[in-house]
Amino acid sequence: MLNGECIGVVCCTFEIVACTKTLYIMSLAVHPLYRCRGIGAMLLDFAIAKAESHRVPLVRLHVQVSNGSAIQFYQKRGFVIAETTKNYYNRCIPADAYVMQKQLQA
């Protein structure tokens, strides 16, 4: 929040994926006027710290295959592309998404 305006958000949940405790990031967004100021990195760091405090060894998320800036953002922070999910998005073209993940020290 800045002057009563929401400038960024991270929404995540704990899940079990293939018998592994996982933090799944459902959404991470920063208002366009406030991008490239480290806010997204702070939000991601906050989510990762929550995972670590719960001893969760893996963080996962989906990102549209054409979203180069988001892919680069996550790769710069240690995420790797683990798989591709075909037709993940209902209203986006392309509809495919990468599953990106980061292994944590649990």
PDB file of N, CA and C in Angstrom:
ATOM      1  N   MET A   1       0.845  -1.174   0.000  1.00  0.00           N
ATOM      2  CA  MET A   1       0.000   0.000   0.000  1.00  0.00           C
ATOM      3  C   MET A   1       0.895   1.244   0.000  1.00  0.00           C
ATOM      4  N   LEU A   2       0.504   2.198  -0.787  1.00  0.00           N
ATOM      5  CA  LEU A   2       1.182   3.480  -0.834  1.00  0.00           C
ATOM      6  C   LEU A   2       0.102   4.543  -0.943  1.00  0.00           C
ATOM      7  N   ASN A   3       0.029   5.408   0.054  1.00  0.00           N
ATOM      8  CA  ASN A   3      -1.009   6.438   0.093  1.00  0.00           C
ATOM      9  C   ASN A   3      -2.408   5.847  -0.089  1.00  0.00           C
ATOM     10  N   GLY A   4      -2.642   4.699   0.532  1.00  0.00           N
ATOM     11  CA  GLY A   4      -3.946   4.058   0.473  1.00  0.00           C
ATOM     12  C   GLY A   4      -4.230   3.287  -0.803  1.00  0.00           C
ATOM     13  N   GLU A   5      -3.261   3.235  -1.713  1.00  0.00           N
ATOM     14  CA  GLU A   5      -3.442   2.530  -2.981  1.00  0.00           C
ATOM     15  C   GLU A   5      -2.625   1.246  -2.979  1.00  0.00           C
ATOM     16  N   CYS A   6      -3.251   0.155  -3.387  1.00  0.00           N
ATOM     17  CA  CYS A   6      -2.545  -1.121  -3.502  1.00  0.00           C
ATOM     18  C   CYS A   6      -1.635  -1.050  -4.728  1.00  0.00           C
ATOM     19  N   ILE A   7      -0.327  -1.227  -4.517  1.00  0.00           N
ATOM     20  CA  ILE A   7       0.615  -1.173  -5.632  1.00  0.00           C
ATOM     21  C   ILE A   7       1.200  -2.537  -5.969  1.00  0.00           C
ATOM     22  N   GLY A   8       0.941  -3.534  -5.118  1.00  0.00           N
ATOM     23  CA  GLY A   8       1.445  -4.874  -5.396  1.00  0.00           C
ATOM     24  C   GLY A   8       0.752  -5.900  -4.537  1.00  0.00           C
ATOM     25  N   VAL A   9       0.756  -7.140  -5.031  1.00  0.00           N
ATOM     26  CA  VAL A   9       0.087  -8.214  -4.301  1.00  0.00           C
ATOM     27  C   VAL A   9       0.761  -9.541  -4.625  1.00  0.00           C
ATOM     28  N   VAL A  10       0.820 -10.405  -3.625  1.00  0.00           N
ATOM     29  CA  VAL A  10       1.210 -11.792  -3.847  1.00  0.00           C
ATOM     30  C   VAL A  10       0.167 -12.658  -3.155  1.00  0.00           C
ATOM     31  N   CYS A  11      -0.301 -13.663  -3.865  1.00  0.00           N
ATOM     32  CA  CYS A  11      -1.310 -14.583  -3.338  1.00  0.00           C
ATOM     33  C   CYS A  11      -0.763 -15.993  -3.515  1.00  0.00           C
ATOM     34  N   CYS A  12      -0.679 -16.736  -2.424  1.00  0.00           N
ATOM     35  CA  CYS A  12      -0.112 -18.072  -2.506  1.00  0.00           C
ATOM     36  C   CYS A  12      -0.804 -19.010  -1.529  1.00  0.00           C
ATOM     37  N   THR A  13      -0.561 -20.299  -1.723  1.00  0.00           N
ATOM     38  CA  THR A  13      -1.170 -21.320  -0.883  1.00  0.00           C
ATOM     39  C   THR A  13      -0.208 -22.491  -0.733  1.00  0.00           C
ATOM     40  N   PHE A  14      -0.357 -23.207   0.360  1.00  0.00           N
ATOM     41  CA  PHE A  14       0.440 -24.413   0.556  1.00  0.00           C
ATOM     42  C   PHE A  14      -0.304 -25.589  -0.054  1.00  0.00           C
ATOM     43  N   GLU A  15       0.434 -26.459  -0.752  1.00  0.00           N
ATOM     44  CA  GLU A  15      -0.141 -27.628  -1.415  1.00  0.00           C
ATOM     45  C   GLU A  15       0.794 -28.822  -1.233  1.00  0.00           C
ATOM     46  N   ILE A  16       0.281 -29.985  -1.562  1.00  0.00           N
ATOM     47  CA  ILE A  16       1.110 -31.183  -1.670  1.00  0.00           C
ATOM     48  C   ILE A  16       1.143 -31.553  -3.149  1.00  0.00           C
ATOM     49  N   VAL A  17       2.348 -31.615  -3.724  1.00  0.00           N
ATOM     50  CA  VAL A  17       2.521 -31.987  -5.126  1.00  0.00           C
ATOM     51  C   VAL A  17       3.495 -33.159  -5.163  1.00  0.00           C
ATOM     52  N   ALA A  18       3.037 -34.284  -5.684  1.00  0.00           N
ATOM     53  CA  ALA A  18       3.870 -35.492  -5.768  1.00  0.00           C
ATOM     54  C   ALA A  18       4.509 -35.799  -4.411  1.00  0.00           C
ATOM     55  N   CYS A  19       3.693 -35.769  -3.377  1.00  0.00           N
ATOM     56  CA  CYS A  19       4.108 -36.079  -1.995  1.00  0.00           C
ATOM     57  C   CYS A  19       5.104 -35.074  -1.415  1.00  0.00           C
ATOM     58  N   THR A  20       5.201 -33.887  -1.997  1.00  0.00           N
ATOM     59  CA  THR A  20       6.121 -32.855  -1.516  1.00  0.00           C
ATOM     60  C   THR A  20       5.337 -31.614  -1.113  1.00  0.00           C
ATOM     61  N   LYS A  21       5.605 -31.126   0.104  1.00  0.00           N
ATOM     62  CA  LYS A  21       5.000 -29.856   0.523  1.00  0.00           C
ATOM     63  C   LYS A  21       5.509 -28.756  -0.399  1.00  0.00           C
ATOM     64  N   THR A  22       4.582 -27.934  -0.864  1.00  0.00           N
ATOM     65  CA  THR A  22       4.900 -26.918  -1.863  1.00  0.00           C
ATOM     66  C   THR A  22       4.175 -25.618  -1.540  1.00  0.00           C
ATOM     67  N   LEU A  23       4.843 -24.501  -1.808  1.00  0.00           N
ATOM     68  CA  LEU A  23       4.157 -23.214  -1.799  1.00  0.00           C
ATOM     69  C   LEU A  23       3.845 -22.898  -3.252  1.00  0.00           C
ATOM     70  N   TYR A  24       2.561 -22.730  -3.569  1.00  0.00           N
ATOM     71  CA  TYR A  24       2.153 -22.393  -4.925  1.00  0.00           C
ATOM     72  C   TYR A  24       1.792 -20.917  -4.971  1.00  0.00           C
ATOM     73  N   ILE A  25       2.479 -20.168  -5.825  1.00  0.00           N
ATOM     74  CA  ILE A  25       2.185 -18.749  -6.009  1.00  0.00           C
ATOM     75  C   ILE A  25       1.110 -18.642  -7.086  1.00  0.00           C
ATOM     76  N   MET A  26      -0.081 -18.255  -6.658  1.00  0.00           N
ATOM     77  CA  MET A  26      -1.213 -18.134  -7.580  1.00  0.00           C
ATOM     78  C   MET A  26      -1.132 -16.844  -8.383  1.00  0.00           C
ATOM     79  N   SER A  27      -0.631 -15.791  -7.739  1.00  0.00           N
ATOM     80  CA  SER A  27      -0.566 -14.494  -8.405  1.00  0.00           C
ATOM     81  C   SER A  27       0.490 -13.626  -7.738  1.00  0.00           C
ATOM     82  N   LEU A  28       1.250 -12.926  -8.552  1.00  0.00           N
ATOM     83  CA  LEU A  28       2.182 -11.903  -8.075  1.00  0.00           C
ATOM     84  C   LEU A  28       2.088 -10.773  -9.088  1.00  0.00           C
ATOM     85  N   ALA A  29       1.692  -9.603  -8.627  1.00  0.00           N
ATOM     86  CA  ALA A  29       1.490  -8.487  -9.550  1.00  0.00           C
ATOM     87  C   ALA A  29       1.904  -7.176  -8.893  1.00  0.00           C
ATOM     88  N   VAL A  30       2.424  -6.274  -9.721  1.00  0.00           N
ATOM     89  CA  VAL A  30       2.791  -4.928  -9.281  1.00  0.00           C
ATOM     90  C   VAL A  30       2.154  -3.940 -10.253  1.00  0.00           C
ATOM     91  N   HIS A  31       1.550  -2.890  -9.705  1.00  0.00           N
ATOM     92  CA  HIS A  31       0.935  -1.838 -10.522  1.00  0.00           C
ATOM     93  C   HIS A  31       1.975  -1.350 -11.545  1.00  0.00           C
ATOM     94  N   PRO A  32       1.576  -1.182 -12.812  1.00  0.00           N
ATOM     95  CA  PRO A  32       2.531  -0.788 -13.856  1.00  0.00           C
ATOM     96  C   PRO A  32       3.359   0.453 -13.530  1.00  0.00           C
ATOM     97  N   LEU A  33       2.794   1.424 -12.836  1.00  0.00           N
ATOM     98  CA  LEU A  33       3.547   2.644 -12.518  1.00  0.00           C
ATOM     99  C   LEU A  33       4.640   2.418 -11.481  1.00  0.00           C
ATOM    100  N   TYR A  34       4.611   1.267 -10.808  1.00  0.00           N
ATOM    101  CA  TYR A  34       5.564   1.009  -9.727  1.00  0.00           C
ATOM    102  C   TYR A  34       6.490  -0.164 -10.021  1.00  0.00           C
ATOM    103  N   ARG A  35       6.507  -0.622 -11.255  1.00  0.00           N
ATOM    104  CA  ARG A  35       7.386  -1.729 -11.625  1.00  0.00           C
ATOM    105  C   ARG A  35       8.834  -1.260 -11.718  1.00  0.00           C
ATOM    106  N   CYS A  36       9.742  -2.222 -11.673  1.00  0.00           N
ATOM    107  CA  CYS A  36      11.196  -1.985 -11.757  1.00  0.00           C
ATOM    108  C   CYS A  36      11.713  -1.181 -10.572  1.00  0.00           C
ATOM    109  N   ARG A  37      11.072  -1.319  -9.425  1.00  0.00           N
ATOM    110  CA  ARG A  37      11.506  -0.643  -8.198  1.00  0.00           C
ATOM    111  C   ARG A  37      11.796  -1.644  -7.080  1.00  0.00           C
ATOM    112  N   GLY A  38      11.802  -2.930  -7.419  1.00  0.00           N
ATOM    113  CA  GLY A  38      12.096  -3.951  -6.425  1.00  0.00           C
ATOM    114  C   GLY A  38      10.897  -4.448  -5.640  1.00  0.00           C
ATOM    115  N   ILE A  39       9.714  -3.952  -5.965  1.00  0.00           N
ATOM    116  CA  ILE A  39       8.515  -4.340  -5.210  1.00  0.00           C
ATOM    117  C   ILE A  39       8.168  -5.802  -5.469  1.00  0.00           C
ATOM    118  N   GLY A  40       8.224  -6.224  -6.721  1.00  0.00           N
ATOM    119  CA  GLY A  40       7.950  -7.623  -7.044  1.00  0.00           C
ATOM    120  C   GLY A  40       8.929  -8.553  -6.351  1.00  0.00           C
ATOM    121  N   ALA A  41      10.200  -8.169  -6.338  1.00  0.00           N
ATOM    122  CA  ALA A  41      11.213  -8.985  -5.656  1.00  0.00           C
ATOM    123  C   ALA A  41      10.929  -9.062  -4.161  1.00  0.00           C
ATOM    124  N   MET A  42      10.505  -7.957  -3.561  1.00  0.00           N
ATOM    125  CA  MET A  42      10.173  -7.974  -2.127  1.00  0.00           C
ATOM    126  C   MET A  42       8.977  -8.876  -1.853  1.00  0.00           C
ATOM    127  N   LEU A  43       7.974  -8.821  -2.716  1.00  0.00           N
ATOM    128  CA  LEU A  43       6.804  -9.682  -2.543  1.00  0.00           C
ATOM    129  C   LEU A  43       7.187 -11.157  -2.688  1.00  0.00           C
ATOM    130  N   LEU A  44       8.015 -11.455  -3.679  1.00  0.00           N
ATOM    131  CA  LEU A  44       8.464 -12.831  -3.875  1.00  0.00           C
ATOM    132  C   LEU A  44       9.306 -13.291  -2.686  1.00  0.00           C
ATOM    133  N   ASP A  45      10.203 -12.436  -2.210  1.00  0.00           N
ATOM    134  CA  ASP A  45      11.019 -12.772  -1.038  1.00  0.00           C
ATOM    135  C   ASP A  45      10.146 -13.047   0.179  1.00  0.00           C
ATOM    136  N   PHE A  46       9.086 -12.272   0.343  1.00  0.00           N
ATOM    137  CA  PHE A  46       8.156 -12.474   1.456  1.00  0.00           C
ATOM    138  C   PHE A  46       7.518 -13.860   1.368  1.00  0.00           C
ATOM    139  N   ALA A  47       7.043 -14.229   0.175  1.00  0.00           N
ATOM    140  CA  ALA A  47       6.409 -15.540  -0.012  1.00  0.00           C
ATOM    141  C   ALA A  47       7.409 -16.664   0.240  1.00  0.00           C
ATOM    142  N   ILE A  48       8.626 -16.510  -0.262  1.00  0.00           N
ATOM    143  CA  ILE A  48       9.651 -17.534  -0.062  1.00  0.00           C
ATOM    144  C   ILE A  48      10.004 -17.657   1.416  1.00  0.00           C
ATOM    145  N   ALA A  49      10.070 -16.537   2.126  1.00  0.00           N
ATOM    146  CA  ALA A  49      10.348 -16.574   3.569  1.00  0.00           C
ATOM    147  C   ALA A  49       9.253 -17.330   4.313  1.00  0.00           C
ATOM    148  N   LYS A  50       8.006 -17.156   3.899  1.00  0.00           N
ATOM    149  CA  LYS A  50       6.900 -17.908   4.508  1.00  0.00           C
ATOM    150  C   LYS A  50       7.084 -19.404   4.269  1.00  0.00           C
ATOM    151  N   ALA A  51       7.448 -19.765   3.052  1.00  0.00           N
ATOM    152  CA  ALA A  51       7.685 -21.181   2.749  1.00  0.00           C
ATOM    153  C   ALA A  51       8.806 -21.731   3.622  1.00  0.00           C
ATOM    154  N   GLU A  52       9.892 -20.989   3.721  1.00  0.00           N
ATOM    155  CA  GLU A  52      11.027 -21.446   4.529  1.00  0.00           C
ATOM    156  C   GLU A  52      10.659 -21.567   6.000  1.00  0.00           C
ATOM    157  N   SER A  53       9.857 -20.638   6.503  1.00  0.00           N
ATOM    158  CA  SER A  53       9.470 -20.691   7.917  1.00  0.00           C
ATOM    159  C   SER A  53       8.580 -21.894   8.216  1.00  0.00           C
ATOM    160  N   HIS A  54       7.922 -22.427   7.195  1.00  0.00           N
ATOM    161  CA  HIS A  54       7.098 -23.631   7.343  1.00  0.00           C
ATOM    162  C   HIS A  54       7.836 -24.885   6.855  1.00  0.00           C
ATOM    163  N   ARG A  55       9.124 -24.724   6.587  1.00  0.00           N
ATOM    164  CA  ARG A  55       9.974 -25.829   6.111  1.00  0.00           C
ATOM    165  C   ARG A  55       9.432 -26.486   4.845  1.00  0.00           C
ATOM    166  N   VAL A  56       8.965 -25.657   3.960  1.00  0.00           N
ATOM    167  CA  VAL A  56       8.463 -26.120   2.663  1.00  0.00           C
ATOM    168  C   VAL A  56       9.631 -26.058   1.671  1.00  0.00           C
ATOM    169  N   PRO A  57       9.954 -27.186   1.034  1.00  0.00           N
ATOM    170  CA  PRO A  57      11.163 -27.229   0.211  1.00  0.00           C
ATOM    171  C   PRO A  57      11.022 -26.761  -1.236  1.00  0.00           C
ATOM    172  N   LEU A  58       9.797 -26.442  -1.673  1.00  0.00           N
ATOM    173  CA  LEU A  58       9.602 -26.152  -3.088  1.00  0.00           C
ATOM    174  C   LEU A  58       8.579 -25.041  -3.282  1.00  0.00           C
ATOM    175  N   VAL A  59       8.898 -24.102  -4.183  1.00  0.00           N
ATOM    176  CA  VAL A  59       7.965 -23.041  -4.580  1.00  0.00           C
ATOM    177  C   VAL A  59       7.681 -23.234  -6.065  1.00  0.00           C
ATOM    178  N   ARG A  60       6.400 -23.191  -6.423  1.00  0.00           N
ATOM    179  CA  ARG A  60       5.993 -23.394  -7.818  1.00  0.00           C
ATOM    180  C   ARG A  60       5.006 -22.308  -8.247  1.00  0.00           C
ATOM    181  N   LEU A  61       4.934 -22.092  -9.556  1.00  0.00           N
ATOM    182  CA  LEU A  61       3.994 -21.128 -10.125  1.00  0.00           C
ATOM    183  C   LEU A  61       3.818 -21.423 -11.601  1.00  0.00           C
ATOM    184  N   HIS A  62       2.795 -20.858 -12.193  1.00  0.00           N
ATOM    185  CA  HIS A  62       2.587 -20.916 -13.640  1.00  0.00           C
ATOM    186  C   HIS A  62       2.861 -19.527 -14.224  1.00  0.00           C
ATOM    187  N   VAL A  63       3.414 -19.507 -15.416  1.00  0.00           N
ATOM    188  CA  VAL A  63       3.622 -18.253 -16.132  1.00  0.00           C
ATOM    189  C   VAL A  63       3.354 -18.511 -17.616  1.00  0.00           C
ATOM    190  N   GLN A  64       2.671 -17.572 -18.249  1.00  0.00           N
ATOM    191  CA  GLN A  64       2.349 -17.725 -19.674  1.00  0.00           C
ATOM    192  C   GLN A  64       3.642 -17.829 -20.482  1.00  0.00           C
ATOM    193  N   VAL A  65       3.686 -18.770 -21.426  1.00  0.00           N
ATOM    194  CA  VAL A  65       4.911 -19.033 -22.181  1.00  0.00           C
ATOM    195  C   VAL A  65       5.415 -17.806 -22.941  1.00  0.00           C
ATOM    196  N   SER A  66       4.542 -16.874 -23.251  1.00  0.00           N
ATOM    197  CA  SER A  66       4.946 -15.677 -23.998  1.00  0.00           C
ATOM    198  C   SER A  66       5.337 -14.505 -23.093  1.00  0.00           C
ATOM    199  N   ASN A  67       5.263 -14.682 -21.779  1.00  0.00           N
ATOM    200  CA  ASN A  67       5.556 -13.587 -20.845  1.00  0.00           C
ATOM    201  C   ASN A  67       7.046 -13.578 -20.498  1.00  0.00           C
ATOM    202  N   GLY A  68       7.825 -13.119 -21.457  1.00  0.00           N
ATOM    203  CA  GLY A  68       9.276 -13.125 -21.310  1.00  0.00           C
ATOM    204  C   GLY A  68       9.788 -12.363 -20.108  1.00  0.00           C
ATOM    205  N   SER A  69       9.177 -11.226 -19.791  1.00  0.00           N
ATOM    206  CA  SER A  69       9.665 -10.439 -18.652  1.00  0.00           C
ATOM    207  C   SER A  69       9.431 -11.172 -17.335  1.00  0.00           C
ATOM    208  N   ALA A  70       8.292 -11.854 -17.201  1.00  0.00           N
ATOM    209  CA  ALA A  70       8.031 -12.616 -15.974  1.00  0.00           C
ATOM    210  C   ALA A  70       8.958 -13.823 -15.884  1.00  0.00           C
ATOM    211  N   ILE A  71       9.159 -14.512 -16.992  1.00  0.00           N
ATOM    212  CA  ILE A  71      10.059 -15.671 -17.001  1.00  0.00           C
ATOM    213  C   ILE A  71      11.456 -15.240 -16.580  1.00  0.00           C
ATOM    214  N   GLN A  72      11.932 -14.144 -17.147  1.00  0.00           N
ATOM    215  CA  GLN A  72      13.259 -13.625 -16.802  1.00  0.00           C
ATOM    216  C   GLN A  72      13.313 -13.203 -15.331  1.00  0.00           C
ATOM    217  N   PHE A  73      12.270 -12.569 -14.828  1.00  0.00           N
ATOM    218  CA  PHE A  73      12.191 -12.157 -13.425  1.00  0.00           C
ATOM    219  C   PHE A  73      12.383 -13.361 -12.507  1.00  0.00           C
ATOM    220  N   TYR A  74      11.643 -14.434 -12.782  1.00  0.00           N
ATOM    221  CA  TYR A  74      11.735 -15.618 -11.925  1.00  0.00           C
ATOM    222  C   TYR A  74      13.062 -16.348 -12.100  1.00  0.00           C
ATOM    223  N   GLN A  75      13.558 -16.441 -13.330  1.00  0.00           N
ATOM    224  CA  GLN A  75      14.844 -17.110 -13.544  1.00  0.00           C
ATOM    225  C   GLN A  75      15.971 -16.380 -12.821  1.00  0.00           C
ATOM    226  N   LYS A  76      15.926 -15.070 -12.822  1.00  0.00           N
ATOM    227  CA  LYS A  76      16.944 -14.271 -12.126  1.00  0.00           C
ATOM    228  C   LYS A  76      16.946 -14.569 -10.632  1.00  0.00           C
ATOM    229  N   ARG A  77      15.819 -15.053 -10.127  1.00  0.00           N
ATOM    230  CA  ARG A  77      15.677 -15.341  -8.699  1.00  0.00           C
ATOM    231  C   ARG A  77      15.726 -16.838  -8.397  1.00  0.00           C
ATOM    232  N   GLY A  78      16.281 -17.602  -9.331  1.00  0.00           N
ATOM    233  CA  GLY A  78      16.550 -19.011  -9.075  1.00  0.00           C
ATOM    234  C   GLY A  78      15.489 -20.002  -9.494  1.00  0.00           C
ATOM    235  N   PHE A  79      14.443 -19.542 -10.156  1.00  0.00           N
ATOM    236  CA  PHE A  79      13.412 -20.458 -10.636  1.00  0.00           C
ATOM    237  C   PHE A  79      13.848 -21.065 -11.965  1.00  0.00           C
ATOM    238  N   VAL A  80      13.421 -22.298 -12.189  1.00  0.00           N
ATOM    239  CA  VAL A  80      13.688 -22.975 -13.457  1.00  0.00           C
ATOM    240  C   VAL A  80      12.357 -23.447 -14.044  1.00  0.00           C
ATOM    241  N   ILE A  81      12.344 -23.605 -15.353  1.00  0.00           N
ATOM    242  CA  ILE A  81      11.158 -24.150 -16.015  1.00  0.00           C
ATOM    243  C   ILE A  81      11.170 -25.656 -15.806  1.00  0.00           C
ATOM    244  N   ALA A  82      10.118 -26.160 -15.173  1.00  0.00           N
ATOM    245  CA  ALA A  82      10.038 -27.585 -14.853  1.00  0.00           C
ATOM    246  C   ALA A  82       9.226 -28.362 -15.878  1.00  0.00           C
ATOM    247  N   GLU A  83       8.217 -27.724 -16.433  1.00  0.00           N
ATOM    248  CA  GLU A  83       7.348 -28.404 -17.402  1.00  0.00           C
ATOM    249  C   GLU A  83       6.482 -27.368 -18.104  1.00  0.00           C
ATOM    250  N   THR A  84       5.779 -27.815 -19.129  1.00  0.00           N
ATOM    251  CA  THR A  84       4.822 -26.970 -19.847  1.00  0.00           C
ATOM    252  C   THR A  84       3.432 -27.561 -19.666  1.00  0.00           C
ATOM    253  N   THR A  85       2.477 -26.704 -19.327  1.00  0.00           N
ATOM    254  CA  THR A  85       1.083 -27.121 -19.210  1.00  0.00           C
ATOM    255  C   THR A  85       0.333 -26.581 -20.424  1.00  0.00           C
ATOM    256  N   LYS A  86      -0.146 -27.478 -21.258  1.00  0.00           N
ATOM    257  CA  LYS A  86      -0.893 -27.084 -22.455  1.00  0.00           C
ATOM    258  C   LYS A  86      -2.276 -26.565 -22.069  1.00  0.00           C
ATOM    259  N   ASN A  87      -2.714 -25.513 -22.744  1.00  0.00           N
ATOM    260  CA  ASN A  87      -4.062 -24.948 -22.569  1.00  0.00           C
ATOM    261  C   ASN A  87      -4.390 -24.622 -21.111  1.00  0.00           C
ATOM    262  N   TYR A  88      -3.429 -24.074 -20.395  1.00  0.00           N
ATOM    263  CA  TYR A  88      -3.631 -23.718 -18.987  1.00  0.00           C
ATOM    264  C   TYR A  88      -4.587 -22.528 -18.852  1.00  0.00           C
ATOM    265  N   TYR A  89      -4.414 -21.533 -19.722  1.00  0.00           N
ATOM    266  CA  TYR A  89      -5.228 -20.319 -19.638  1.00  0.00           C
ATOM    267  C   TYR A  89      -6.461 -20.438 -20.531  1.00  0.00           C
ATOM    268  N   ASN A  90      -7.611 -20.031 -19.997  1.00  0.00           N
ATOM    269  CA  ASN A  90      -8.858 -20.100 -20.756  1.00  0.00           C
ATOM    270  C   ASN A  90      -9.033 -18.938 -21.722  1.00  0.00           C
ATOM    271  N   ARG A  91      -8.542 -17.758 -21.347  1.00  0.00           N
ATOM    272  CA  ARG A  91      -8.831 -16.552 -22.135  1.00  0.00           C
ATOM    273  C   ARG A  91      -7.582 -15.855 -22.653  1.00  0.00           C
ATOM    274  N   CYS A  92      -6.472 -16.576 -22.709  1.00  0.00           N
ATOM    275  CA  CYS A  92      -5.216 -15.977 -23.177  1.00  0.00           C
ATOM    276  C   CYS A  92      -4.701 -16.728 -24.397  1.00  0.00           C
ATOM    277  N   ILE A  93      -4.031 -16.002 -25.254  1.00  0.00           N
ATOM    278  CA  ILE A  93      -3.357 -16.607 -26.393  1.00  0.00           C
ATOM    279  C   ILE A  93      -1.911 -16.138 -26.344  1.00  0.00           C
ATOM    280  N   PRO A  94      -0.943 -17.024 -26.282  1.00  0.00           N
ATOM    281  CA  PRO A  94      -1.101 -18.474 -26.235  1.00  0.00           C
ATOM    282  C   PRO A  94      -1.636 -18.941 -24.876  1.00  0.00           C
ATOM    283  N   ALA A  95      -2.305 -20.074 -24.893  1.00  0.00           N
ATOM    284  CA  ALA A  95      -2.946 -20.605 -23.684  1.00  0.00           C
ATOM    285  C   ALA A  95      -2.002 -21.446 -22.830  1.00  0.00           C
ATOM    286  N   ASP A  96      -0.827 -21.770 -23.362  1.00  0.00           N
ATOM    287  CA  ASP A  96       0.104 -22.631 -22.633  1.00  0.00           C
ATOM    288  C   ASP A  96       0.847 -21.860 -21.547  1.00  0.00           C
ATOM    289  N   ALA A  97       1.242 -22.597 -20.513  1.00  0.00           N
ATOM    290  CA  ALA A  97       1.981 -21.999 -19.398  1.00  0.00           C
ATOM    291  C   ALA A  97       3.169 -22.878 -19.042  1.00  0.00           C
ATOM    292  N   TYR A  98       4.220 -22.237 -18.575  1.00  0.00           N
ATOM    293  CA  TYR A  98       5.332 -22.968 -17.975  1.00  0.00           C
ATOM    294  C   TYR A  98       5.045 -23.123 -16.493  1.00  0.00           C
ATOM    295  N   VAL A  99       5.400 -24.268 -15.958  1.00  0.00           N
ATOM    296  CA  VAL A  99       5.462 -24.426 -14.513  1.00  0.00           C
ATOM    297  C   VAL A  99       6.906 -24.113 -14.152  1.00  0.00           C
ATOM    298  N   MET A 100       7.081 -23.092 -13.325  1.00  0.00           N
ATOM    299  CA  MET A 100       8.423 -22.736 -12.868  1.00  0.00           C
ATOM    300  C   MET A 100       8.511 -23.093 -11.392  1.00  0.00           C
ATOM    301  N   GLN A 101       9.695 -23.508 -10.976  1.00  0.00           N
ATOM    302  CA  GLN A 101       9.848 -23.887  -9.579  1.00  0.00           C
ATOM    303  C   GLN A 101      11.231 -23.531  -9.064  1.00  0.00           C
ATOM    304  N   LYS A 102      11.285 -23.419  -7.746  1.00  0.00           N
ATOM    305  CA  LYS A 102      12.545 -23.130  -7.064  1.00  0.00           C
ATOM    306  C   LYS A 102      12.647 -24.052  -5.860  1.00  0.00           C
ATOM    307  N   GLN A 103      13.767 -24.752  -5.781  1.00  0.00           N
ATOM    308  CA  GLN A 103      14.043 -25.630  -4.647  1.00  0.00           C
ATOM    309  C   GLN A 103      14.609 -24.779  -3.516  1.00  0.00           C
ATOM    310  N   LEU A 104      14.084 -24.971  -2.310  1.00  0.00           N
ATOM    311  CA  LEU A 104      14.541 -24.218  -1.144  1.00  0.00           C
ATOM    312  C   LEU A 104      15.335 -25.123  -0.207  1.00  0.00           C
ATOM    313  N   GLN A 105      16.085 -24.505   0.685  1.00  0.00           N
ATOM    314  CA  GLN A 105      16.760 -25.243   1.753  1.00  0.00           C
ATOM    315  C   GLN A 105      15.754 -25.430   2.867  1.00  0.00           C
ATOM    316  N   ALA A 106      15.197 -26.621   2.982  1.00  0.00           N
ATOM    317  CA  ALA A 106      14.153 -26.854   3.998  1.00  0.00           C
ATOM    318  C   ALA A 106      14.715 -27.538   5.227  1.00  0.00           C
TER     319      ALA A 106
END
